[in-house]
Amino acid sequence: MLLIVFGAGASYDSSTVYPPDRLSSLHRPPLANQLFEFDYRPKYAEAVNNLGPHFQAIIHRLRLVTAPQTIEGALEKLRDEEKTNPERTRQLAAVRFYLRYVLEESGREWLRQISGATNYQVLMDCIQHWLPDNTRVSLVTFNYDTMIDDAMPVVGISLRQIDDYVANERYKLIKLHGSINWVRKFDNQTIYRQLADNEWEAARLIVEHAPQALGDEYRLISSRSHSKLDNRVLFPAIAIPVEKKYAFECPIGHLQTLKECLPHVTKMLIVGWRGAEEHFAKLLVEQLPHTMQTLVVSAHASDASEVIKRLQNFGIKGTFRPSEFGFSGFVQNEAEAFLGC
């Protein structure tokens, strides 16, 4: 079995025609430290303005982060403060609405700029062509965007409902931290009756009454303007990016499918993932065979080497090799050799 793990760097370098060193674009899918840079990104600023005071009260803490601090660290501090400050629950709910909006909008503009052709599609085509037919593939992503979802038709898979992500015998797609087109439902009849058709009015009302607990059911939606369904209120199924104690934001059945697949992995490809999610690394330590071969694709070979060090420090065994290429370079120069051997 082949395991492929995608991080933010994969979507950042998602166009072979327009790799990061060839085109600087405000619409390029952001890395974590760019999520709250809205001075020159009109859609980001629009979200800040429309989400209102709960979100605006914390935006300075997210905009003024400087190294060695991280966005994930700042958000983790807010989440820890939620234990004693109920206002943090509303503010973190607003963060989820913000992330869903800016990532969907920037993603739409990015795909328009690159004519919809992504490295995810190229990679899936390479897998279909070069990988032996009897090799199963587990795709794991920490990204909220839908570029990998949109690449699945290349291998004959259409994602119309949540179960479709893991229903195919050969290909499984696991989105561990949720997706911009996923929601979870909660029951609050008071706000259900008040929800307006206006997207921002609905978001502000849901934020004001944000629940601390959500139902286990996940749904795929066609538009983020949908705020209610089946007499229930809809909440973005997006995990808050923090440094430690991350909770998975995906259906229990998807996570179980992943756990069943991991012991059978013989080869792992990491693309644009920093290897910093401790909760996932622990799962790999527990489940992966020690004889596994791993290729790490990052922006630079030195970055890939740092990822390898992190994974080895977590205790993940096997043979590791850093790629000399980023995602664009990998699908052009290295995918055939990696998949075909």
C-alpha atoms as a PDB file:
ATOM      1  CA  MET A   1       0.000   0.000   0.000  1.00  0.00           C
ATOM      2  CA  LEU A   2       1.095   3.555  -0.794  1.00  0.00           C
ATOM      3  CA  LEU A   3       0.411   6.286   1.761  1.00  0.00           C
ATOM      4  CA  ILE A   4       0.536   9.902   0.574  1.00  0.00           C
ATOM      5  CA  VAL A   5       0.399  12.720   3.134  1.00  0.00           C
ATOM      6  CA  PHE A   6      -0.318  16.268   1.966  1.00  0.00           C
ATOM      7  CA  GLY A   7       0.284  19.469   3.918  1.00  0.00           C
ATOM      8  CA  ALA A   8      -0.162  23.167   3.157  1.00  0.00           C
ATOM      9  CA  GLY A   9       3.004  23.220   1.042  1.00  0.00           C
ATOM     10  CA  ALA A  10       1.339  20.931  -1.505  1.00  0.00           C
ATOM     11  CA  SER A  11      -1.482  23.373  -2.219  1.00  0.00           C
ATOM     12  CA  TYR A  12       0.938  26.303  -2.096  1.00  0.00           C
ATOM     13  CA  ASP A  13       2.961  24.639  -4.887  1.00  0.00           C
ATOM     14  CA  SER A  14      -0.043  23.225  -6.736  1.00  0.00           C
ATOM     15  CA  SER A  15       0.664  24.432 -10.269  1.00  0.00           C
ATOM     16  CA  THR A  16       3.480  23.126 -12.459  1.00  0.00           C
ATOM     17  CA  VAL A  17       3.069  26.122 -14.760  1.00  0.00           C
ATOM     18  CA  TYR A  18       3.136  28.643 -11.894  1.00  0.00           C
ATOM     19  CA  PRO A  19       5.413  27.275  -9.129  1.00  0.00           C
ATOM     20  CA  PRO A  20       6.214  29.615  -6.210  1.00  0.00           C
ATOM     21  CA  ASP A  21       9.578  30.697  -7.623  1.00  0.00           C
ATOM     22  CA  ARG A  22       7.956  31.714 -10.904  1.00  0.00           C
ATOM     23  CA  LEU A  23       4.811  33.519  -9.788  1.00  0.00           C
ATOM     24  CA  SER A  24       3.970  35.454  -6.662  1.00  0.00           C
ATOM     25  CA  SER A  25       0.189  35.627  -6.360  1.00  0.00           C
ATOM     26  CA  LEU A  26      -2.131  36.950  -3.684  1.00  0.00           C
ATOM     27  CA  HIS A  27      -4.503  34.142  -4.647  1.00  0.00           C
ATOM     28  CA  ARG A  28      -2.004  31.333  -4.103  1.00  0.00           C
ATOM     29  CA  PRO A  29      -3.311  29.009  -1.355  1.00  0.00           C
ATOM     30  CA  PRO A  30      -1.782  30.389   1.853  1.00  0.00           C
ATOM     31  CA  LEU A  31       0.657  28.772   4.207  1.00  0.00           C
ATOM     32  CA  ALA A  32      -0.239  28.905   7.902  1.00  0.00           C
ATOM     33  CA  ASN A  33       1.684  32.124   8.540  1.00  0.00           C
ATOM     34  CA  GLN A  34      -0.218  33.848   5.706  1.00  0.00           C
ATOM     35  CA  LEU A  35      -3.745  32.999   6.820  1.00  0.00           C
ATOM     36  CA  PHE A  36      -4.361  36.330   8.557  1.00  0.00           C
ATOM     37  CA  GLU A  37      -2.428  38.659   6.237  1.00  0.00           C
ATOM     38  CA  PHE A  38      -5.297  40.712   4.845  1.00  0.00           C
ATOM     39  CA  ASP A  39      -3.746  44.122   4.086  1.00  0.00           C
ATOM     40  CA  TYR A  40      -3.445  43.316   0.376  1.00  0.00           C
ATOM     41  CA  ARG A  41      -6.020  40.522   0.180  1.00  0.00           C
ATOM     42  CA  PRO A  42      -9.504  42.056  -0.250  1.00  0.00           C
ATOM     43  CA  LYS A  43     -11.389  38.810   0.403  1.00  0.00           C
ATOM     44  CA  TYR A  44      -9.533  38.271   3.688  1.00  0.00           C
ATOM     45  CA  ALA A  45     -10.311  41.828   4.780  1.00  0.00           C
ATOM     46  CA  GLU A  46     -13.962  41.352   3.769  1.00  0.00           C
ATOM     47  CA  ALA A  47     -14.232  38.364   6.096  1.00  0.00           C
ATOM     48  CA  VAL A  48     -12.700  40.282   9.004  1.00  0.00           C
ATOM     49  CA  ASN A  49     -15.145  43.122   8.481  1.00  0.00           C
ATOM     50  CA  ASN A  50     -18.217  40.910   8.121  1.00  0.00           C
ATOM     51  CA  LEU A  51     -17.578  38.519  10.998  1.00  0.00           C
ATOM     52  CA  GLY A  52     -17.923  41.339  13.478  1.00  0.00           C
ATOM     53  CA  PRO A  53     -16.599  42.105  16.954  1.00  0.00           C
ATOM     54  CA  HIS A  54     -16.032  38.556  18.254  1.00  0.00           C
ATOM     55  CA  PHE A  55     -13.464  37.954  15.525  1.00  0.00           C
ATOM     56  CA  GLN A  56     -12.131  41.504  15.362  1.00  0.00           C
ATOM     57  CA  ALA A  57     -11.264  41.373  19.069  1.00  0.00           C
ATOM     58  CA  ILE A  58      -8.612  38.670  18.450  1.00  0.00           C
ATOM     59  CA  ILE A  59      -7.368  39.495  14.970  1.00  0.00           C
ATOM     60  CA  HIS A  60      -4.483  41.571  16.329  1.00  0.00           C
ATOM     61  CA  ARG A  61      -3.176  38.507  18.185  1.00  0.00           C
ATOM     62  CA  LEU A  62      -3.095  36.597  14.913  1.00  0.00           C
ATOM     63  CA  ARG A  63      -1.715  39.363  12.718  1.00  0.00           C
ATOM     64  CA  LEU A  64       1.179  40.340  14.974  1.00  0.00           C
ATOM     65  CA  VAL A  65       2.729  36.887  15.352  1.00  0.00           C
ATOM     66  CA  THR A  66       6.475  36.961  14.729  1.00  0.00           C
ATOM     67  CA  ALA A  67       9.075  34.187  14.771  1.00  0.00           C
ATOM     68  CA  PRO A  68       9.756  32.085  16.733  1.00  0.00           C
ATOM     69  CA  GLN A  69       6.037  32.252  17.602  1.00  0.00           C
ATOM     70  CA  THR A  70       3.590  30.694  15.132  1.00  0.00           C
ATOM     71  CA  ILE A  71      -0.025  31.156  14.115  1.00  0.00           C
ATOM     72  CA  GLU A  72      -0.692  27.676  15.448  1.00  0.00           C
ATOM     73  CA  GLY A  73       0.813  28.665  18.797  1.00  0.00           C
ATOM     74  CA  ALA A  74      -1.322  31.820  19.006  1.00  0.00           C
ATOM     75  CA  LEU A  75      -4.479  29.861  18.224  1.00  0.00           C
ATOM     76  CA  GLU A  76      -3.550  27.186  20.739  1.00  0.00           C
ATOM     77  CA  LYS A  77      -3.264  29.825  23.452  1.00  0.00           C
ATOM     78  CA  LEU A  78      -6.759  31.084  22.593  1.00  0.00           C
ATOM     79  CA  ARG A  79      -8.079  27.540  22.695  1.00  0.00           C
ATOM     80  CA  ASP A  80      -6.483  26.913  26.094  1.00  0.00           C
ATOM     81  CA  GLU A  81      -8.089  30.092  27.416  1.00  0.00           C
ATOM     82  CA  GLU A  82     -11.482  28.735  26.333  1.00  0.00           C
ATOM     83  CA  LYS A  83     -11.547  26.671  29.548  1.00  0.00           C
ATOM     84  CA  THR A  84     -12.027  29.781  31.671  1.00  0.00           C
ATOM     85  CA  ASN A  85     -13.343  32.315  29.149  1.00  0.00           C
ATOM     86  CA  PRO A  86     -16.576  31.448  27.263  1.00  0.00           C
ATOM     87  CA  GLU A  87     -15.947  34.301  24.835  1.00  0.00           C
ATOM     88  CA  ARG A  88     -13.096  32.258  23.356  1.00  0.00           C
ATOM     89  CA  THR A  89     -15.646  29.674  22.155  1.00  0.00           C
ATOM     90  CA  ARG A  90     -17.362  32.335  20.057  1.00  0.00           C
ATOM     91  CA  GLN A  91     -14.077  33.747  18.804  1.00  0.00           C
ATOM     92  CA  LEU A  92     -12.761  30.353  17.746  1.00  0.00           C
ATOM     93  CA  ALA A  93     -16.066  29.645  16.002  1.00  0.00           C
ATOM     94  CA  ALA A  94     -15.532  32.873  14.063  1.00  0.00           C
ATOM     95  CA  VAL A  95     -12.039  31.644  13.112  1.00  0.00           C
ATOM     96  CA  ARG A  96     -13.629  28.574  11.511  1.00  0.00           C
ATOM     97  CA  PHE A  97     -16.006  30.712   9.460  1.00  0.00           C
ATOM     98  CA  TYR A  98     -13.096  32.959   8.481  1.00  0.00           C
ATOM     99  CA  LEU A  99     -10.941  30.037   7.343  1.00  0.00           C
ATOM    100  CA  ARG A 100     -13.758  28.538   5.329  1.00  0.00           C
ATOM    101  CA  TYR A 101     -14.453  31.808   3.559  1.00  0.00           C
ATOM    102  CA  VAL A 102     -10.915  32.925   2.733  1.00  0.00           C
ATOM    103  CA  LEU A 103      -9.745  29.482   1.634  1.00  0.00           C
ATOM    104  CA  GLU A 104     -12.742  28.985  -0.616  1.00  0.00           C
ATOM    105  CA  GLU A 105     -12.430  32.435  -2.146  1.00  0.00           C
ATOM    106  CA  SER A 106      -8.661  32.373  -2.624  1.00  0.00           C
ATOM    107  CA  GLY A 107      -8.917  28.820  -3.946  1.00  0.00           C
ATOM    108  CA  ARG A 108     -11.510  29.846  -6.521  1.00  0.00           C
ATOM    109  CA  GLU A 109      -9.348  32.725  -7.751  1.00  0.00           C
ATOM    110  CA  TRP A 110      -6.234  30.541  -7.771  1.00  0.00           C
ATOM    111  CA  LEU A 111      -7.912  27.856  -9.878  1.00  0.00           C
ATOM    112  CA  ARG A 112      -9.133  30.520 -12.279  1.00  0.00           C
ATOM    113  CA  GLN A 113      -5.588  31.825 -12.576  1.00  0.00           C
ATOM    114  CA  ILE A 114      -4.114  28.382 -13.310  1.00  0.00           C
ATOM    115  CA  SER A 115      -7.038  27.298 -15.546  1.00  0.00           C
ATOM    116  CA  GLY A 116      -8.075  24.631 -13.056  1.00  0.00           C
ATOM    117  CA  ALA A 117      -5.058  22.410 -13.752  1.00  0.00           C
ATOM    118  CA  THR A 118      -3.310  21.307 -10.541  1.00  0.00           C
ATOM    119  CA  ASN A 119      -0.418  19.099  -9.508  1.00  0.00           C
ATOM    120  CA  TYR A 120      -2.913  16.956  -7.607  1.00  0.00           C
ATOM    121  CA  GLN A 121      -4.473  15.946 -10.923  1.00  0.00           C
ATOM    122  CA  VAL A 122      -1.048  15.263 -12.405  1.00  0.00           C
ATOM    123  CA  LEU A 123      -0.108  13.100  -9.432  1.00  0.00           C
ATOM    124  CA  MET A 124      -3.326  11.083  -9.601  1.00  0.00           C
ATOM    125  CA  ASP A 125      -2.719  10.496 -13.300  1.00  0.00           C
ATOM    126  CA  CYS A 126       0.838   9.355 -12.524  1.00  0.00           C
ATOM    127  CA  ILE A 127      -0.498   6.965  -9.869  1.00  0.00           C
ATOM    128  CA  GLN A 128      -3.051   5.539 -12.274  1.00  0.00           C
ATOM    129  CA  HIS A 129      -0.427   5.082 -14.996  1.00  0.00           C
ATOM    130  CA  TRP A 130       2.713   4.002 -13.146  1.00  0.00           C
ATOM    131  CA  LEU A 131       1.631   2.333  -9.934  1.00  0.00           C
ATOM    132  CA  PRO A 132       0.947  -1.429 -10.192  1.00  0.00           C
ATOM    133  CA  ASP A 133      -2.778  -2.118 -10.464  1.00  0.00           C
ATOM    134  CA  ASN A 134      -2.869  -4.197  -7.283  1.00  0.00           C
ATOM    135  CA  THR A 135      -1.406  -1.427  -5.107  1.00  0.00           C
ATOM    136  CA  ARG A 136      -3.909   0.336  -2.889  1.00  0.00           C
ATOM    137  CA  VAL A 137      -3.534   4.049  -2.135  1.00  0.00           C
ATOM    138  CA  SER A 138      -4.401   5.993   1.017  1.00  0.00           C
ATOM    139  CA  LEU A 139      -4.411   9.770   0.586  1.00  0.00           C
ATOM    140  CA  VAL A 140      -4.222  11.780   3.800  1.00  0.00           C
ATOM    141  CA  THR A 141      -4.440  15.570   3.787  1.00  0.00           C
ATOM    142  CA  PHE A 142      -4.331  18.255   6.463  1.00  0.00           C
ATOM    143  CA  ASN A 143      -5.544  20.862   3.975  1.00  0.00           C
ATOM    144  CA  TYR A 144      -9.032  22.341   4.099  1.00  0.00           C
ATOM    145  CA  ASP A 145      -9.183  23.151   0.382  1.00  0.00           C
ATOM    146  CA  THR A 146     -10.770  20.830  -2.171  1.00  0.00           C
ATOM    147  CA  MET A 147      -8.001  20.509  -4.750  1.00  0.00           C
ATOM    148  CA  ILE A 148      -7.324  16.859  -3.903  1.00  0.00           C
ATOM    149  CA  ASP A 149     -11.106  16.224  -3.879  1.00  0.00           C
ATOM    150  CA  ASP A 150     -11.361  17.750  -7.342  1.00  0.00           C
ATOM    151  CA  ALA A 151      -8.536  15.506  -8.592  1.00  0.00           C
ATOM    152  CA  MET A 152     -10.298  12.249  -7.684  1.00  0.00           C
ATOM    153  CA  PRO A 153     -12.307  12.037 -10.950  1.00  0.00           C
ATOM    154  CA  VAL A 154      -8.940  11.436 -12.677  1.00  0.00           C
ATOM    155  CA  VAL A 155      -9.076   7.948 -11.147  1.00  0.00           C
ATOM    156  CA  GLY A 156     -12.818   7.579 -11.656  1.00  0.00           C
ATOM    157  CA  ILE A 157     -14.064   8.709  -8.222  1.00  0.00           C
ATOM    158  CA  SER A 158     -16.828  11.289  -7.707  1.00  0.00           C
ATOM    159  CA  LEU A 159     -17.333  12.648  -4.206  1.00  0.00           C
ATOM    160  CA  ARG A 160     -21.040  13.337  -3.769  1.00  0.00           C
ATOM    161  CA  GLN A 161     -21.411  12.400  -0.120  1.00  0.00           C
ATOM    162  CA  ILE A 162     -19.147  11.849   2.877  1.00  0.00           C
ATOM    163  CA  ASP A 163     -19.015   8.066   2.523  1.00  0.00           C
ATOM    164  CA  ASP A 164     -17.616   8.364  -1.007  1.00  0.00           C
ATOM    165  CA  TYR A 165     -14.246   9.435   0.419  1.00  0.00           C
ATOM    166  CA  VAL A 166     -13.522   5.918   1.679  1.00  0.00           C
ATOM    167  CA  ALA A 167     -15.908   3.754  -0.378  1.00  0.00           C
ATOM    168  CA  ASN A 168     -13.575   2.905  -3.273  1.00  0.00           C
ATOM    169  CA  GLU A 169     -11.700  -0.379  -2.916  1.00  0.00           C
ATOM    170  CA  ARG A 170      -8.370   0.980  -4.180  1.00  0.00           C
ATOM    171  CA  TYR A 171      -8.363   4.666  -3.198  1.00  0.00           C
ATOM    172  CA  LYS A 172      -9.147   6.157   0.219  1.00  0.00           C
ATOM    173  CA  LEU A 173      -9.119   9.910   0.863  1.00  0.00           C
ATOM    174  CA  ILE A 174      -8.884  11.002   4.498  1.00  0.00           C
ATOM    175  CA  LYS A 175      -9.192  14.724   5.350  1.00  0.00           C
ATOM    176  CA  LEU A 176      -8.053  14.664   8.963  1.00  0.00           C
ATOM    177  CA  HIS A 177      -8.694  18.324   9.723  1.00  0.00           C
ATOM    178  CA  GLY A 178     -11.942  18.788   7.851  1.00  0.00           C
ATOM    179  CA  SER A 179     -12.813  20.593   4.657  1.00  0.00           C
ATOM    180  CA  ILE A 180     -14.294  23.881   3.486  1.00  0.00           C
ATOM    181  CA  ASN A 181     -17.259  21.949   2.039  1.00  0.00           C
ATOM    182  CA  TRP A 182     -17.975  19.877   5.163  1.00  0.00           C
ATOM    183  CA  VAL A 183     -20.358  20.759   7.981  1.00  0.00           C
ATOM    184  CA  ARG A 184     -21.555  19.313  11.266  1.00  0.00           C
ATOM    185  CA  LYS A 185     -25.047  19.821  12.671  1.00  0.00           C
ATOM    186  CA  PHE A 186     -26.188  21.022  16.063  1.00  0.00           C
ATOM    187  CA  ASP A 187     -29.620  21.624  17.521  1.00  0.00           C
ATOM    188  CA  ASN A 188     -30.633  25.141  18.499  1.00  0.00           C
ATOM    189  CA  GLN A 189     -34.204  25.849  17.489  1.00  0.00           C
ATOM    190  CA  THR A 190     -34.018  29.465  18.670  1.00  0.00           C
ATOM    191  CA  ILE A 191     -31.366  30.487  16.192  1.00  0.00           C
ATOM    192  CA  TYR A 192     -32.621  27.999  13.560  1.00  0.00           C
ATOM    193  CA  ARG A 193     -35.792  30.068  13.228  1.00  0.00           C
ATOM    194  CA  GLN A 194     -33.791  33.312  13.065  1.00  0.00           C
ATOM    195  CA  LEU A 195     -31.220  32.263  10.455  1.00  0.00           C
ATOM    196  CA  ALA A 196     -31.270  34.550   7.439  1.00  0.00           C
ATOM    197  CA  ASP A 197     -30.376  33.771   3.848  1.00  0.00           C
ATOM    198  CA  ASN A 198     -27.550  36.308   4.026  1.00  0.00           C
ATOM    199  CA  GLU A 199     -24.316  34.385   4.567  1.00  0.00           C
ATOM    200  CA  TRP A 200     -22.717  36.855   6.979  1.00  0.00           C
ATOM    201  CA  GLU A 201     -25.840  37.449   9.052  1.00  0.00           C
ATOM    202  CA  ALA A 202     -26.166  33.695   9.490  1.00  0.00           C
ATOM    203  CA  ALA A 203     -22.472  33.319  10.378  1.00  0.00           C
ATOM    204  CA  ARG A 204     -22.621  36.074  13.019  1.00  0.00           C
ATOM    205  CA  LEU A 205     -25.711  34.530  14.601  1.00  0.00           C
ATOM    206  CA  ILE A 206     -24.154  31.065  14.731  1.00  0.00           C
ATOM    207  CA  VAL A 207     -20.946  32.510  16.181  1.00  0.00           C
ATOM    208  CA  GLU A 208     -22.957  34.314  18.872  1.00  0.00           C
ATOM    209  CA  HIS A 209     -24.502  30.984  19.926  1.00  0.00           C
ATOM    210  CA  ALA A 210     -21.555  28.736  19.117  1.00  0.00           C
ATOM    211  CA  PRO A 211     -21.806  25.308  20.758  1.00  0.00           C
ATOM    212  CA  GLN A 212     -18.967  23.633  22.619  1.00  0.00           C
ATOM    213  CA  ALA A 213     -20.160  20.207  21.450  1.00  0.00           C
ATOM    214  CA  LEU A 214     -21.278  19.126  17.990  1.00  0.00           C
ATOM    215  CA  GLY A 215     -22.944  16.021  16.606  1.00  0.00           C
ATOM    216  CA  ASP A 216     -20.894  13.215  15.076  1.00  0.00           C
ATOM    217  CA  GLU A 217     -22.573  13.419  11.676  1.00  0.00           C
ATOM    218  CA  TYR A 218     -20.683  15.104   8.830  1.00  0.00           C
ATOM    219  CA  ARG A 219     -22.306  16.348   5.641  1.00  0.00           C
ATOM    220  CA  LEU A 220     -20.979  17.473   2.300  1.00  0.00           C
ATOM    221  CA  ILE A 221     -22.501  20.770   1.131  1.00  0.00           C
ATOM    222  CA  SER A 222     -22.517  22.445  -2.265  1.00  0.00           C
ATOM    223  CA  SER A 223     -22.491  26.013  -0.955  1.00  0.00           C
ATOM    224  CA  ARG A 224     -21.208  27.619   2.222  1.00  0.00           C
ATOM    225  CA  SER A 225     -24.350  29.806   2.261  1.00  0.00           C
ATOM    226  CA  HIS A 226     -26.267  26.760   3.506  1.00  0.00           C
ATOM    227  CA  SER A 227     -26.679  27.374   7.236  1.00  0.00           C
ATOM    228  CA  LYS A 228     -29.411  24.891   8.154  1.00  0.00           C
ATOM    229  CA  LEU A 229     -30.517  21.428   7.157  1.00  0.00           C
ATOM    230  CA  ASP A 230     -32.945  18.829   8.514  1.00  0.00           C
ATOM    231  CA  ASN A 231     -34.140  21.237  11.218  1.00  0.00           C
ATOM    232  CA  ARG A 232     -30.558  21.627  12.491  1.00  0.00           C
ATOM    233  CA  VAL A 233     -27.969  24.419  12.327  1.00  0.00           C
ATOM    234  CA  LEU A 234     -24.827  23.822  10.249  1.00  0.00           C
ATOM    235  CA  PHE A 235     -21.322  24.539  11.548  1.00  0.00           C
ATOM    236  CA  PRO A 236     -18.076  24.463   9.497  1.00  0.00           C
ATOM    237  CA  ALA A 237     -16.238  21.157   9.947  1.00  0.00           C
ATOM    238  CA  ILE A 238     -12.785  22.711  10.090  1.00  0.00           C
ATOM    239  CA  ALA A 239     -10.203  22.074  12.785  1.00  0.00           C
ATOM    240  CA  ILE A 240      -8.507  25.047  14.416  1.00  0.00           C
ATOM    241  CA  PRO A 241      -4.794  24.816  13.479  1.00  0.00           C
ATOM    242  CA  VAL A 242      -2.849  24.524  16.733  1.00  0.00           C
ATOM    243  CA  GLU A 243       0.569  23.126  17.641  1.00  0.00           C
ATOM    244  CA  LYS A 244      -0.366  20.347  20.059  1.00  0.00           C
ATOM    245  CA  LYS A 245      -3.307  18.252  21.238  1.00  0.00           C
ATOM    246  CA  TYR A 246      -4.954  18.602  17.849  1.00  0.00           C
ATOM    247  CA  ALA A 247      -8.347  16.935  17.526  1.00  0.00           C
ATOM    248  CA  PHE A 248      -9.132  15.177  14.281  1.00  0.00           C
ATOM    249  CA  GLU A 249     -12.036  16.784  12.409  1.00  0.00           C
ATOM    250  CA  CYS A 250     -13.346  13.934  10.282  1.00  0.00           C
ATOM    251  CA  PRO A 251     -15.916  11.145  10.532  1.00  0.00           C
ATOM    252  CA  ILE A 252     -15.071   8.315  12.916  1.00  0.00           C
ATOM    253  CA  GLY A 253     -15.442   5.857  10.046  1.00  0.00           C
ATOM    254  CA  HIS A 254     -12.786   7.683   8.000  1.00  0.00           C
ATOM    255  CA  LEU A 255     -10.341   7.557  10.890  1.00  0.00           C
ATOM    256  CA  GLN A 256     -11.036   3.873  11.407  1.00  0.00           C
ATOM    257  CA  THR A 257     -10.413   3.228   7.708  1.00  0.00           C
ATOM    258  CA  LEU A 258      -7.048   4.964   8.005  1.00  0.00           C
ATOM    259  CA  LYS A 259      -6.092   2.890  11.037  1.00  0.00           C
ATOM    260  CA  GLU A 260      -6.935  -0.280   9.127  1.00  0.00           C
ATOM    261  CA  CYS A 261      -4.807   0.805   6.165  1.00  0.00           C
ATOM    262  CA  LEU A 262      -1.652   1.951   7.978  1.00  0.00           C
ATOM    263  CA  PRO A 263      -0.263  -1.496   8.949  1.00  0.00           C
ATOM    264  CA  HIS A 264      -0.230  -2.439   5.241  1.00  0.00           C
ATOM    265  CA  VAL A 265       1.789   0.574   4.044  1.00  0.00           C
ATOM    266  CA  THR A 266       5.050  -0.292   2.292  1.00  0.00           C
ATOM    267  CA  LYS A 267       5.833   3.123   0.846  1.00  0.00           C
ATOM    268  CA  MET A 268       5.036   6.671   1.989  1.00  0.00           C
ATOM    269  CA  LEU A 269       5.173   9.933   0.070  1.00  0.00           C
ATOM    270  CA  ILE A 270       5.021  13.193   2.044  1.00  0.00           C
ATOM    271  CA  VAL A 271       4.238  16.360   0.072  1.00  0.00           C
ATOM    272  CA  GLY A 272       4.334  19.778   1.719  1.00  0.00           C
ATOM    273  CA  TRP A 273       3.706  18.457   5.232  1.00  0.00           C
ATOM    274  CA  ARG A 274       6.008  19.772   7.957  1.00  0.00           C
ATOM    275  CA  GLY A 275       5.631  16.684  10.142  1.00  0.00           C
ATOM    276  CA  ALA A 276       4.592  18.830  13.108  1.00  0.00           C
ATOM    277  CA  GLU A 277       1.172  17.324  13.942  1.00  0.00           C
ATOM    278  CA  GLU A 278       2.004  15.265  16.999  1.00  0.00           C
ATOM    279  CA  HIS A 279      -1.357  13.511  17.139  1.00  0.00           C
ATOM    280  CA  PHE A 280      -0.937  12.130  13.615  1.00  0.00           C
ATOM    281  CA  ALA A 281       2.726  11.265  14.134  1.00  0.00           C
ATOM    282  CA  LYS A 282       1.770   9.168  17.170  1.00  0.00           C
ATOM    283  CA  LEU A 283      -0.728   7.300  15.041  1.00  0.00           C
ATOM    284  CA  LEU A 284       2.002   6.582  12.476  1.00  0.00           C
ATOM    285  CA  VAL A 285       4.352   5.348  15.194  1.00  0.00           C
ATOM    286  CA  GLU A 286       1.701   2.965  16.475  1.00  0.00           C
ATOM    287  CA  GLN A 287       0.488   1.635  13.134  1.00  0.00           C
ATOM    288  CA  LEU A 288       3.156   1.840  10.418  1.00  0.00           C
ATOM    289  CA  PRO A 289       5.507  -1.062   9.622  1.00  0.00           C
ATOM    290  CA  HIS A 290       9.166  -0.433  10.508  1.00  0.00           C
ATOM    291  CA  THR A 291      10.327  -1.490   7.033  1.00  0.00           C
ATOM    292  CA  MET A 292       8.552   1.349   5.220  1.00  0.00           C
ATOM    293  CA  GLN A 293      10.302   3.527   2.624  1.00  0.00           C
ATOM    294  CA  THR A 294       9.533   7.251   2.710  1.00  0.00           C
ATOM    295  CA  LEU A 295      10.199  10.082   0.253  1.00  0.00           C
ATOM    296  CA  VAL A 296       9.724  13.618   1.575  1.00  0.00           C
ATOM    297  CA  VAL A 297       8.878  16.402  -0.884  1.00  0.00           C
ATOM    298  CA  SER A 298       9.180  19.954   0.430  1.00  0.00           C
ATOM    299  CA  ALA A 299      10.057  23.392  -0.919  1.00  0.00           C
ATOM    300  CA  HIS A 300      13.774  22.564  -0.718  1.00  0.00           C
ATOM    301  CA  ALA A 301      15.833  19.478   0.058  1.00  0.00           C
ATOM    302  CA  SER A 302      16.975  21.106   3.311  1.00  0.00           C
ATOM    303  CA  ASP A 303      13.335  21.561   4.374  1.00  0.00           C
ATOM    304  CA  ALA A 304      12.651  17.919   3.543  1.00  0.00           C
ATOM    305  CA  SER A 305      15.596  16.893   5.722  1.00  0.00           C
ATOM    306  CA  GLU A 306      14.117  18.847   8.632  1.00  0.00           C
ATOM    307  CA  VAL A 307      10.816  17.015   8.203  1.00  0.00           C
ATOM    308  CA  ILE A 308      12.663  13.701   8.299  1.00  0.00           C
ATOM    309  CA  LYS A 309      14.354  14.701  11.556  1.00  0.00           C
ATOM    310  CA  ARG A 310      11.000  15.539  13.142  1.00  0.00           C
ATOM    311  CA  LEU A 311       9.465  12.243  12.092  1.00  0.00           C
ATOM    312  CA  GLN A 312      12.438  10.267  13.354  1.00  0.00           C
ATOM    313  CA  ASN A 313      12.321  12.159  16.653  1.00  0.00           C
ATOM    314  CA  PHE A 314       8.697  11.104  17.010  1.00  0.00           C
ATOM    315  CA  GLY A 315       9.891   7.508  16.629  1.00  0.00           C
ATOM    316  CA  ILE A 316       8.736   6.698  13.092  1.00  0.00           C
ATOM    317  CA  LYS A 317      10.912   3.933  11.657  1.00  0.00           C
ATOM    318  CA  GLY A 318      11.953   3.019   8.130  1.00  0.00           C
ATOM    319  CA  THR A 319      14.115   4.418   5.357  1.00  0.00           C
ATOM    320  CA  PHE A 320      13.770   8.136   4.638  1.00  0.00           C
ATOM    321  CA  ARG A 321      14.959  10.143   1.650  1.00  0.00           C
ATOM    322  CA  PRO A 322      14.578  13.883   0.961  1.00  0.00           C
ATOM    323  CA  SER A 323      13.519  14.852  -2.540  1.00  0.00           C
ATOM    324  CA  GLU A 324      15.508  17.453  -4.447  1.00  0.00           C
ATOM    325  CA  PHE A 325      12.263  18.919  -5.770  1.00  0.00           C
ATOM    326  CA  GLY A 326       9.115  20.684  -4.631  1.00  0.00           C
ATOM    327  CA  PHE A 327       5.685  19.349  -5.595  1.00  0.00           C
ATOM    328  CA  SER A 328       5.883  20.790  -9.135  1.00  0.00           C
ATOM    329  CA  GLY A 329       9.359  19.398  -9.670  1.00  0.00           C
ATOM    330  CA  PHE A 330       8.396  16.027  -8.211  1.00  0.00           C
ATOM    331  CA  VAL A 331       5.470  15.363 -10.595  1.00  0.00           C
ATOM    332  CA  GLN A 332       7.634  16.423 -13.535  1.00  0.00           C
ATOM    333  CA  ASN A 333      10.913  14.705 -12.695  1.00  0.00           C
ATOM    334  CA  GLU A 334      10.534  12.085  -9.985  1.00  0.00           C
ATOM    335  CA  ALA A 335       7.017  10.674  -9.843  1.00  0.00           C
ATOM    336  CA  GLU A 336       7.570   7.996 -12.466  1.00  0.00           C
ATOM    337  CA  ALA A 337      10.678   6.614 -10.778  1.00  0.00           C
ATOM    338  CA  PHE A 338       9.075   6.685  -7.321  1.00  0.00           C
ATOM    339  CA  LEU A 339       5.767   5.125  -8.324  1.00  0.00           C
ATOM    340  CA  GLY A 340       7.054   2.665 -10.893  1.00  0.00           C
ATOM    341  CA  CYS A 341       9.743   0.969  -8.831  1.00  0.00           C
END
